[in-house]
């Protein structure tokens, strides 16, 4: 499976190409596309942060158990149900992010 190039490497290759070919610095870069990618990299975390904040506020209104929103006592583990939610969430994120790599025929050939 061919790995996707990252935006920074594409930008670096375009700049290096313009330097090596003797043209003006930056001729090999699509600056409009670079600006579009840069803006998406700046704006995307803001939307994620706002979405997480709204989800936290909604959960605080719907779930009335204070143990979910407070730090456990010193030297004491959180309740089992909170640890189970944390493990399930982390497992789900790991499975969804890595499932493409886990089942890639290039990484696990049958022969």
Foldseek 3Di string as FASTA:
>chain_A
DDDDDDPVVQQVVQQVVCVVVVHPGNPSDPVVVVVVVVVCVVVVVVVVVVVVVVVVVVCVVVPVDCLLVDDDDPPDDRDPVNVVVVVVVVVVVVCVVCVCVVPPCVVPPPD
